Amino acid sequence: MAILKQGLSGEPVRRLQAKLGVTADGEFGPGTEKALKDWQTKNGLTADGIAGPDTFMTMQLYELVLLKPGSVPGPDGRPQAPHLAVGVFARGLLKRLATRLYFPDEAAANDDDAVLGLLTPTERATLVAVPDDGCLRFDIRLQGPGQTTFFAIGGMP
């Protein structure tokens, strides 16, 4: 989310409205603007009725919005399914972990992807994001049931 203001609509507005405790219809109208100004005042922000980075941070609405990449050729020249390379750094890890996020609406491309083709169905499922309330959710599990599949990074043990 970059900036939300009166006249905009959609899922980001609905999430903002839910945080404000107003009817979450996805339409940023006068009622949402008033509720936002009241919330901004109560939380020591400039009450301009525009939800921007300061408002989102104070509301703890942390979201990353990405554009889906296209297919790219793999090392063997075959197209890879659209995916994002994901590096995981966490407390207690001595080295970063590498994995991929694949998109659920790319079933045919995912079926032809060389990397996904090397995995069991259970491992593969950990790399495909899940539709969730108009967005995609990608859970990373470091251990236990449903542990995310991680890859060795070239040159690293």
N, C-alpha and C. Protein backbone atom coordinates (compact mmCIF):
# COMPACT_ATOMS: atom_id res chain seq x y z
N MET A 1 0.85 -1.18 0.00
CA MET A 1 0.00 0.00 0.00
C MET A 1 0.89 1.23 0.00
N ALA A 2 0.62 2.16 -0.88
CA ALA A 2 1.40 3.39 -0.93
C ALA A 2 0.63 4.49 -0.21
N ILE A 3 -0.49 4.92 -0.78
CA ILE A 3 -1.34 5.96 -0.18
C ILE A 3 -2.79 5.59 -0.47
N LEU A 4 -3.62 5.70 0.54
CA LEU A 4 -5.06 5.50 0.37
C LEU A 4 -5.77 6.78 0.77
N LYS A 5 -6.71 7.20 -0.08
CA LYS A 5 -7.45 8.43 0.21
C LYS A 5 -8.85 8.32 -0.39
N GLN A 6 -9.67 9.32 -0.06
CA GLN A 6 -11.05 9.30 -0.52
C GLN A 6 -11.11 9.15 -2.04
N GLY A 7 -12.05 8.29 -2.49
CA GLY A 7 -12.24 8.05 -3.92
C GLY A 7 -11.62 6.74 -4.39
N LEU A 8 -10.70 6.18 -3.58
CA LEU A 8 -10.08 4.91 -3.95
C LEU A 8 -10.94 3.76 -3.46
N SER A 9 -10.73 2.59 -4.06
CA SER A 9 -11.49 1.41 -3.65
C SER A 9 -10.64 0.17 -3.84
N GLY A 10 -11.09 -0.92 -3.23
CA GLY A 10 -10.42 -2.19 -3.40
C GLY A 10 -10.01 -2.83 -2.08
N GLU A 11 -9.28 -3.93 -2.20
CA GLU A 11 -8.86 -4.71 -1.04
C GLU A 11 -8.03 -3.91 -0.03
N PRO A 12 -7.05 -3.08 -0.47
CA PRO A 12 -6.30 -2.31 0.52
C PRO A 12 -7.20 -1.39 1.35
N VAL A 13 -8.21 -0.80 0.72
CA VAL A 13 -9.14 0.07 1.45
C VAL A 13 -9.93 -0.76 2.46
N ARG A 14 -10.35 -1.95 2.04
CA ARG A 14 -11.10 -2.82 2.94
C ARG A 14 -10.27 -3.18 4.17
N ARG A 15 -8.99 -3.46 3.99
CA ARG A 15 -8.11 -3.78 5.13
C ARG A 15 -7.97 -2.57 6.06
N LEU A 16 -7.85 -1.39 5.48
CA LEU A 16 -7.77 -0.17 6.29
C LEU A 16 -9.06 0.00 7.08
N GLN A 17 -10.20 -0.16 6.43
CA GLN A 17 -11.48 -0.01 7.10
C GLN A 17 -11.63 -0.99 8.26
N ALA A 18 -11.18 -2.22 8.06
CA ALA A 18 -11.26 -3.22 9.12
C ALA A 18 -10.44 -2.76 10.33
N LYS A 19 -9.26 -2.19 10.09
CA LYS A 19 -8.43 -1.68 11.20
C LYS A 19 -9.10 -0.51 11.90
N LEU A 20 -9.84 0.30 11.15
CA LEU A 20 -10.52 1.46 11.72
C LEU A 20 -11.81 1.08 12.44
N GLY A 21 -12.30 -0.13 12.19
CA GLY A 21 -13.55 -0.57 12.83
C GLY A 21 -14.80 -0.03 12.17
N VAL A 22 -14.69 0.34 10.89
CA VAL A 22 -15.86 0.79 10.14
C VAL A 22 -16.26 -0.30 9.15
N THR A 23 -17.43 -0.14 8.55
CA THR A 23 -17.89 -1.12 7.57
C THR A 23 -16.84 -1.28 6.48
N ALA A 24 -16.38 -2.51 6.31
CA ALA A 24 -15.31 -2.80 5.34
C ALA A 24 -15.91 -3.15 3.99
N ASP A 25 -16.35 -2.10 3.26
CA ASP A 25 -16.94 -2.32 1.95
C ASP A 25 -15.95 -2.09 0.81
N GLY A 26 -14.74 -1.65 1.14
CA GLY A 26 -13.72 -1.43 0.12
C GLY A 26 -13.82 -0.10 -0.61
N GLU A 27 -14.75 0.75 -0.21
CA GLU A 27 -14.92 2.07 -0.84
C GLU A 27 -14.48 3.15 0.14
N PHE A 28 -13.48 3.93 -0.22
CA PHE A 28 -12.96 4.99 0.65
C PHE A 28 -13.83 6.24 0.44
N GLY A 29 -14.88 6.34 1.25
CA GLY A 29 -15.79 7.48 1.16
C GLY A 29 -15.63 8.40 2.35
N PRO A 30 -16.58 9.33 2.52
CA PRO A 30 -16.51 10.30 3.61
C PRO A 30 -16.48 9.66 5.00
N GLY A 31 -17.19 8.55 5.20
CA GLY A 31 -17.20 7.89 6.50
C GLY A 31 -15.84 7.32 6.86
N THR A 32 -15.17 6.74 5.87
CA THR A 32 -13.83 6.20 6.10
C THR A 32 -12.86 7.33 6.37
N GLU A 33 -13.00 8.43 5.63
CA GLU A 33 -12.11 9.57 5.83
C GLU A 33 -12.26 10.15 7.24
N LYS A 34 -13.51 10.28 7.69
CA LYS A 34 -13.73 10.81 9.05
C LYS A 34 -13.14 9.87 10.10
N ALA A 35 -13.39 8.56 9.94
CA ALA A 35 -12.85 7.60 10.89
C ALA A 35 -11.33 7.63 10.90
N LEU A 36 -10.73 7.79 9.72
CA LEU A 36 -9.27 7.85 9.63
C LEU A 36 -8.74 9.11 10.30
N LYS A 37 -9.38 10.26 10.06
CA LYS A 37 -8.93 11.51 10.71
C LYS A 37 -9.02 11.39 12.23
N ASP A 38 -10.11 10.81 12.71
CA ASP A 38 -10.26 10.61 14.16
C ASP A 38 -9.15 9.71 14.69
N TRP A 39 -8.87 8.64 13.97
CA TRP A 39 -7.82 7.70 14.39
C TRP A 39 -6.45 8.38 14.38
N GLN A 40 -6.17 9.15 13.32
CA GLN A 40 -4.89 9.85 13.22
C GLN A 40 -4.71 10.83 14.38
N THR A 41 -5.75 11.58 14.70
CA THR A 41 -5.69 12.53 15.82
C THR A 41 -5.40 11.79 17.12
N LYS A 42 -6.14 10.73 17.37
CA LYS A 42 -5.98 9.94 18.60
C LYS A 42 -4.58 9.35 18.72
N ASN A 43 -3.92 9.11 17.59
CA ASN A 43 -2.60 8.47 17.60
C ASN A 43 -1.45 9.43 17.32
N GLY A 44 -1.71 10.74 17.43
CA GLY A 44 -0.65 11.73 17.32
C GLY A 44 -0.11 11.96 15.93
N LEU A 45 -0.90 11.65 14.92
CA LEU A 45 -0.48 11.87 13.53
C LEU A 45 -1.21 13.07 12.96
N THR A 46 -0.70 13.60 11.88
CA THR A 46 -1.40 14.68 11.18
C THR A 46 -2.72 14.13 10.66
N ALA A 47 -3.82 14.74 11.06
CA ALA A 47 -5.15 14.26 10.70
C ALA A 47 -5.55 14.81 9.33
N ASP A 48 -4.98 14.21 8.28
CA ASP A 48 -5.28 14.68 6.92
C ASP A 48 -6.24 13.76 6.18
N GLY A 49 -6.61 12.64 6.80
CA GLY A 49 -7.54 11.71 6.15
C GLY A 49 -6.92 10.93 5.01
N ILE A 50 -5.61 10.97 4.92
CA ILE A 50 -4.89 10.20 3.90
C ILE A 50 -4.02 9.18 4.62
N ALA A 51 -4.19 7.92 4.26
CA ALA A 51 -3.39 6.85 4.88
C ALA A 51 -2.12 6.67 4.04
N GLY A 52 -1.01 7.04 4.64
CA GLY A 52 0.29 6.88 3.99
C GLY A 52 1.21 6.07 4.89
N PRO A 53 2.51 6.10 4.61
CA PRO A 53 3.46 5.27 5.36
C PRO A 53 3.40 5.44 6.88
N ASP A 54 3.29 6.67 7.38
CA ASP A 54 3.24 6.87 8.83
C ASP A 54 1.99 6.23 9.44
N THR A 55 0.87 6.39 8.77
CA THR A 55 -0.38 5.79 9.25
C THR A 55 -0.26 4.27 9.23
N PHE A 56 0.22 3.72 8.13
CA PHE A 56 0.34 2.26 8.02
C PHE A 56 1.27 1.70 9.10
N MET A 57 2.39 2.37 9.35
CA MET A 57 3.33 1.88 10.37
C MET A 57 2.69 1.93 11.75
N THR A 58 2.01 3.01 12.07
CA THR A 58 1.37 3.14 13.37
C THR A 58 0.26 2.12 13.54
N MET A 59 -0.44 1.81 12.46
CA MET A 59 -1.52 0.81 12.50
C MET A 59 -0.98 -0.62 12.48
N GLN A 60 0.30 -0.74 12.24
CA GLN A 60 0.94 -2.05 12.07
C GLN A 60 0.34 -2.79 10.88
N LEU A 61 0.08 -2.05 9.82
CA LEU A 61 -0.37 -2.63 8.55
C LEU A 61 0.85 -2.77 7.65
N TYR A 62 1.62 -3.80 7.92
CA TYR A 62 2.84 -4.03 7.13
C TYR A 62 2.48 -4.93 5.97
N GLU A 63 2.65 -4.46 4.78
CA GLU A 63 2.34 -5.24 3.60
C GLU A 63 3.36 -4.95 2.55
N LEU A 64 3.69 -5.97 1.81
CA LEU A 64 4.60 -5.84 0.69
C LEU A 64 3.80 -6.12 -0.57
N VAL A 65 3.74 -5.18 -1.47
CA VAL A 65 3.01 -5.35 -2.71
C VAL A 65 4.02 -5.50 -3.83
N LEU A 66 3.92 -6.60 -4.55
CA LEU A 66 4.86 -6.90 -5.62
C LEU A 66 4.12 -7.12 -6.92
N LEU A 67 4.78 -6.86 -8.02
CA LEU A 67 4.26 -7.22 -9.32
C LEU A 67 4.79 -8.61 -9.66
N LYS A 68 3.93 -9.45 -10.19
CA LYS A 68 4.34 -10.81 -10.53
C LYS A 68 5.31 -10.77 -11.71
N PRO A 69 6.46 -11.45 -11.57
CA PRO A 69 7.41 -11.49 -12.68
C PRO A 69 6.92 -12.42 -13.77
N GLY A 70 7.51 -12.29 -14.94
CA GLY A 70 7.19 -13.19 -16.04
C GLY A 70 8.10 -14.41 -15.98
N SER A 71 7.94 -15.25 -16.97
CA SER A 71 8.78 -16.44 -17.10
C SER A 71 10.15 -16.04 -17.62
N VAL A 72 11.19 -16.72 -17.14
CA VAL A 72 12.56 -16.49 -17.62
C VAL A 72 13.17 -17.83 -17.97
N PRO A 73 14.14 -17.84 -18.89
CA PRO A 73 14.77 -19.11 -19.24
C PRO A 73 15.66 -19.62 -18.11
N GLY A 74 15.62 -20.93 -17.89
CA GLY A 74 16.48 -21.57 -16.91
C GLY A 74 17.84 -21.86 -17.52
N PRO A 75 18.73 -22.47 -16.73
CA PRO A 75 20.07 -22.78 -17.23
C PRO A 75 20.07 -23.67 -18.47
N ASP A 76 19.04 -24.52 -18.59
CA ASP A 76 18.97 -25.40 -19.75
C ASP A 76 18.22 -24.77 -20.92
N GLY A 77 17.80 -23.51 -20.77
CA GLY A 77 17.08 -22.81 -21.83
C GLY A 77 15.57 -22.97 -21.76
N ARG A 78 15.10 -23.94 -20.98
CA ARG A 78 13.65 -24.12 -20.82
C ARG A 78 13.10 -22.99 -19.96
N PRO A 79 11.87 -22.57 -20.24
CA PRO A 79 11.30 -21.50 -19.42
C PRO A 79 11.02 -21.98 -18.00
N GLN A 80 11.32 -21.12 -17.03
CA GLN A 80 10.97 -21.38 -15.63
C GLN A 80 9.61 -20.73 -15.36
N ALA A 81 8.87 -21.33 -14.48
CA ALA A 81 7.59 -20.73 -14.09
C ALA A 81 7.88 -19.40 -13.39
N PRO A 82 6.98 -18.42 -13.52
CA PRO A 82 7.18 -17.18 -12.78
C PRO A 82 7.34 -17.46 -11.29
N HIS A 83 8.34 -16.87 -10.68
CA HIS A 83 8.61 -17.09 -9.26
C HIS A 83 9.42 -15.93 -8.70
N LEU A 84 9.48 -15.86 -7.39
CA LEU A 84 10.33 -14.90 -6.70
C LEU A 84 11.38 -15.69 -5.93
N ALA A 85 12.63 -15.27 -6.01
CA ALA A 85 13.68 -15.85 -5.18
C ALA A 85 13.56 -15.21 -3.80
N VAL A 86 13.55 -16.03 -2.75
CA VAL A 86 13.36 -15.55 -1.39
C VAL A 86 14.56 -15.95 -0.54
N GLY A 87 15.17 -14.97 0.11
CA GLY A 87 16.24 -15.24 1.06
C GLY A 87 15.72 -15.03 2.47
N VAL A 88 16.03 -15.96 3.36
CA VAL A 88 15.53 -15.90 4.73
C VAL A 88 16.71 -15.69 5.67
N PHE A 89 16.64 -14.62 6.43
CA PHE A 89 17.60 -14.33 7.50
C PHE A 89 16.81 -14.34 8.79
N ALA A 90 17.27 -15.04 9.79
CA ALA A 90 16.53 -15.07 11.05
C ALA A 90 17.50 -15.25 12.21
N ARG A 91 17.06 -14.81 13.33
CA ARG A 91 17.85 -14.97 14.55
C ARG A 91 18.14 -16.46 14.76
N GLY A 92 19.38 -16.76 15.02
CA GLY A 92 19.77 -18.15 15.25
C GLY A 92 20.26 -18.86 14.01
N LEU A 93 20.06 -18.27 12.84
CA LEU A 93 20.57 -18.88 11.61
C LEU A 93 21.96 -18.33 11.33
N LEU A 94 22.89 -19.21 11.05
CA LEU A 94 24.24 -18.76 10.76
C LEU A 94 24.41 -18.37 9.30
N LYS A 95 23.59 -18.93 8.43
CA LYS A 95 23.64 -18.62 7.00
C LYS A 95 22.23 -18.37 6.50
N ARG A 96 22.12 -17.59 5.46
CA ARG A 96 20.79 -17.33 4.92
C ARG A 96 20.27 -18.58 4.24
N LEU A 97 18.97 -18.72 4.24
CA LEU A 97 18.31 -19.82 3.57
C LEU A 97 17.70 -19.30 2.27
N ALA A 98 17.70 -20.14 1.26
CA ALA A 98 17.17 -19.75 -0.04
C ALA A 98 16.00 -20.64 -0.41
N THR A 99 14.94 -20.01 -0.88
CA THR A 99 13.78 -20.75 -1.36
C THR A 99 13.15 -19.96 -2.51
N ARG A 100 12.03 -20.41 -2.98
CA ARG A 100 11.31 -19.72 -4.06
C ARG A 100 9.84 -19.63 -3.70
N LEU A 101 9.18 -18.59 -4.22
CA LEU A 101 7.74 -18.43 -4.12
C LEU A 101 7.18 -18.56 -5.53
N TYR A 102 6.32 -19.55 -5.73
CA TYR A 102 5.64 -19.73 -7.02
C TYR A 102 4.20 -19.28 -6.88
N PHE A 103 3.56 -18.99 -8.00
CA PHE A 103 2.21 -18.42 -8.01
C PHE A 103 1.17 -19.49 -8.33
N PRO A 104 0.07 -19.53 -7.56
CA PRO A 104 -0.93 -20.58 -7.74
C PRO A 104 -1.69 -20.50 -9.06
N ASP A 105 -1.74 -19.33 -9.67
CA ASP A 105 -2.48 -19.18 -10.92
C ASP A 105 -1.62 -19.52 -12.14
N GLU A 106 -0.48 -20.11 -11.92
CA GLU A 106 0.44 -20.50 -13.00
C GLU A 106 0.60 -22.02 -13.03
N ALA A 107 -0.51 -22.76 -12.90
CA ALA A 107 -0.45 -24.22 -12.77
C ALA A 107 0.29 -24.87 -13.93
N ALA A 108 0.00 -24.48 -15.16
CA ALA A 108 0.66 -25.11 -16.32
C ALA A 108 2.16 -24.83 -16.31
N ALA A 109 2.54 -23.59 -16.04
CA ALA A 109 3.97 -23.24 -16.00
C ALA A 109 4.64 -23.95 -14.82
N ASN A 110 3.95 -24.04 -13.67
CA ASN A 110 4.51 -24.74 -12.52
C ASN A 110 4.73 -26.21 -12.83
N ASP A 111 3.80 -26.82 -13.57
CA ASP A 111 3.94 -28.24 -13.94
C ASP A 111 5.15 -28.47 -14.82
N ASP A 112 5.53 -27.47 -15.64
CA ASP A 112 6.67 -27.61 -16.55
C ASP A 112 7.98 -27.10 -15.95
N ASP A 113 7.95 -26.52 -14.76
CA ASP A 113 9.15 -25.95 -14.17
C ASP A 113 10.13 -27.05 -13.75
N ALA A 114 11.39 -26.92 -14.17
CA ALA A 114 12.40 -27.94 -13.89
C ALA A 114 12.65 -28.10 -12.39
N VAL A 115 12.69 -27.01 -11.64
CA VAL A 115 12.95 -27.09 -10.20
C VAL A 115 11.78 -27.77 -9.49
N LEU A 116 10.57 -27.33 -9.76
CA LEU A 116 9.41 -27.95 -9.12
C LEU A 116 9.29 -29.42 -9.51
N GLY A 117 9.74 -29.76 -10.71
CA GLY A 117 9.69 -31.14 -11.17
C GLY A 117 10.59 -32.08 -10.39
N LEU A 118 11.58 -31.55 -9.69
CA LEU A 118 12.50 -32.37 -8.89
C LEU A 118 11.94 -32.69 -7.50
N LEU A 119 10.84 -32.04 -7.13
CA LEU A 119 10.33 -32.14 -5.76
C LEU A 119 9.15 -33.09 -5.64
N THR A 120 8.97 -33.60 -4.43
CA THR A 120 7.77 -34.39 -4.16
C THR A 120 6.58 -33.44 -4.09
N PRO A 121 5.35 -33.95 -4.22
CA PRO A 121 4.19 -33.06 -4.09
C PRO A 121 4.16 -32.32 -2.76
N THR A 122 4.59 -32.94 -1.68
CA THR A 122 4.60 -32.29 -0.37
C THR A 122 5.61 -31.15 -0.35
N GLU A 123 6.81 -31.37 -0.89
CA GLU A 123 7.83 -30.31 -0.94
C GLU A 123 7.37 -29.18 -1.85
N ARG A 124 6.81 -29.55 -2.97
CA ARG A 124 6.34 -28.57 -3.95
C ARG A 124 5.29 -27.65 -3.35
N ALA A 125 4.39 -28.21 -2.55
CA ALA A 125 3.29 -27.43 -1.95
C ALA A 125 3.82 -26.32 -1.05
N THR A 126 5.02 -26.50 -0.48
CA THR A 126 5.56 -25.47 0.41
C THR A 126 6.08 -24.26 -0.35
N LEU A 127 6.18 -24.37 -1.66
CA LEU A 127 6.73 -23.28 -2.47
C LEU A 127 5.68 -22.49 -3.24
N VAL A 128 4.43 -22.95 -3.20
CA VAL A 128 3.37 -22.26 -3.95
C VAL A 128 2.54 -21.44 -2.98
N ALA A 129 2.45 -20.14 -3.24
CA ALA A 129 1.65 -19.25 -2.40
C ALA A 129 0.19 -19.69 -2.42
N VAL A 130 -0.54 -19.29 -1.40
CA VAL A 130 -1.94 -19.69 -1.24
C VAL A 130 -2.83 -18.44 -1.32
N PRO A 131 -3.88 -18.48 -2.15
CA PRO A 131 -4.81 -17.35 -2.15
C PRO A 131 -5.44 -17.18 -0.77
N ASP A 132 -5.52 -15.91 -0.33
CA ASP A 132 -6.05 -15.63 1.01
C ASP A 132 -6.72 -14.26 1.02
N ASP A 133 -8.03 -14.25 0.93
CA ASP A 133 -8.80 -13.02 1.07
C ASP A 133 -8.35 -11.94 0.08
N GLY A 134 -8.22 -12.32 -1.18
CA GLY A 134 -7.86 -11.36 -2.22
C GLY A 134 -6.38 -11.09 -2.37
N CYS A 135 -5.56 -11.74 -1.56
CA CYS A 135 -4.10 -11.58 -1.61
C CYS A 135 -3.48 -12.96 -1.72
N LEU A 136 -2.17 -13.00 -1.75
CA LEU A 136 -1.45 -14.27 -1.68
C LEU A 136 -0.72 -14.35 -0.36
N ARG A 137 -0.72 -15.51 0.25
CA ARG A 137 -0.01 -15.74 1.51
C ARG A 137 1.07 -16.79 1.25
N PHE A 138 2.27 -16.52 1.75
CA PHE A 138 3.38 -17.45 1.62
C PHE A 138 4.01 -17.61 2.99
N ASP A 139 3.70 -18.72 3.64
CA ASP A 139 4.22 -18.98 4.98
C ASP A 139 5.56 -19.68 4.87
N ILE A 140 6.53 -19.24 5.64
CA ILE A 140 7.84 -19.90 5.68
C ILE A 140 7.95 -20.59 7.03
N ARG A 141 8.14 -21.89 6.98
CA ARG A 141 8.30 -22.68 8.20
C ARG A 141 9.72 -23.23 8.22
N LEU A 142 10.45 -22.91 9.26
CA LEU A 142 11.85 -23.32 9.35
C LEU A 142 12.02 -24.77 9.75
N GLN A 143 11.03 -25.35 10.42
CA GLN A 143 11.11 -26.76 10.80
C GLN A 143 9.73 -27.28 11.12
N GLY A 144 9.62 -28.60 11.23
CA GLY A 144 8.36 -29.21 11.61
C GLY A 144 7.47 -29.51 10.43
N PRO A 145 6.20 -29.87 10.71
CA PRO A 145 5.26 -30.20 9.64
C PRO A 145 5.11 -29.04 8.66
N GLY A 146 5.14 -29.36 7.38
CA GLY A 146 5.02 -28.32 6.36
C GLY A 146 6.26 -27.47 6.21
N GLN A 147 7.42 -27.97 6.68
CA GLN A 147 8.66 -27.19 6.57
C GLN A 147 8.88 -26.76 5.13
N THR A 148 9.21 -25.51 4.96
CA THR A 148 9.49 -24.96 3.64
C THR A 148 10.69 -25.65 3.02
N THR A 149 10.60 -25.91 1.73
CA THR A 149 11.73 -26.49 1.00
C THR A 149 12.76 -25.39 0.76
N PHE A 150 13.99 -25.64 1.16
CA PHE A 150 15.09 -24.69 0.96
C PHE A 150 16.10 -25.30 0.01
N PHE A 151 16.88 -24.44 -0.64
CA PHE A 151 17.83 -24.86 -1.65
C PHE A 151 19.26 -24.51 -1.23
N ALA A 152 20.20 -25.33 -1.64
CA ALA A 152 21.61 -25.01 -1.45
C ALA A 152 21.94 -23.86 -2.39
N ILE A 153 22.70 -22.91 -1.89
CA ILE A 153 23.11 -21.77 -2.70
C ILE A 153 24.47 -22.09 -3.29
N GLY A 154 24.64 -21.87 -4.58
CA GLY A 154 25.89 -22.19 -5.26
C GLY A 154 27.10 -21.67 -4.50
N GLY A 155 28.08 -22.56 -4.25
CA GLY A 155 29.31 -22.18 -3.57
C GLY A 155 29.22 -22.20 -2.07
N MET A 156 28.03 -22.49 -1.53
CA MET A 156 27.87 -22.54 -0.07
C MET A 156 27.51 -23.96 0.32
N PRO A 157 28.11 -24.47 1.40
CA PRO A 157 27.76 -25.83 1.83
C PRO A 157 26.34 -25.91 2.36
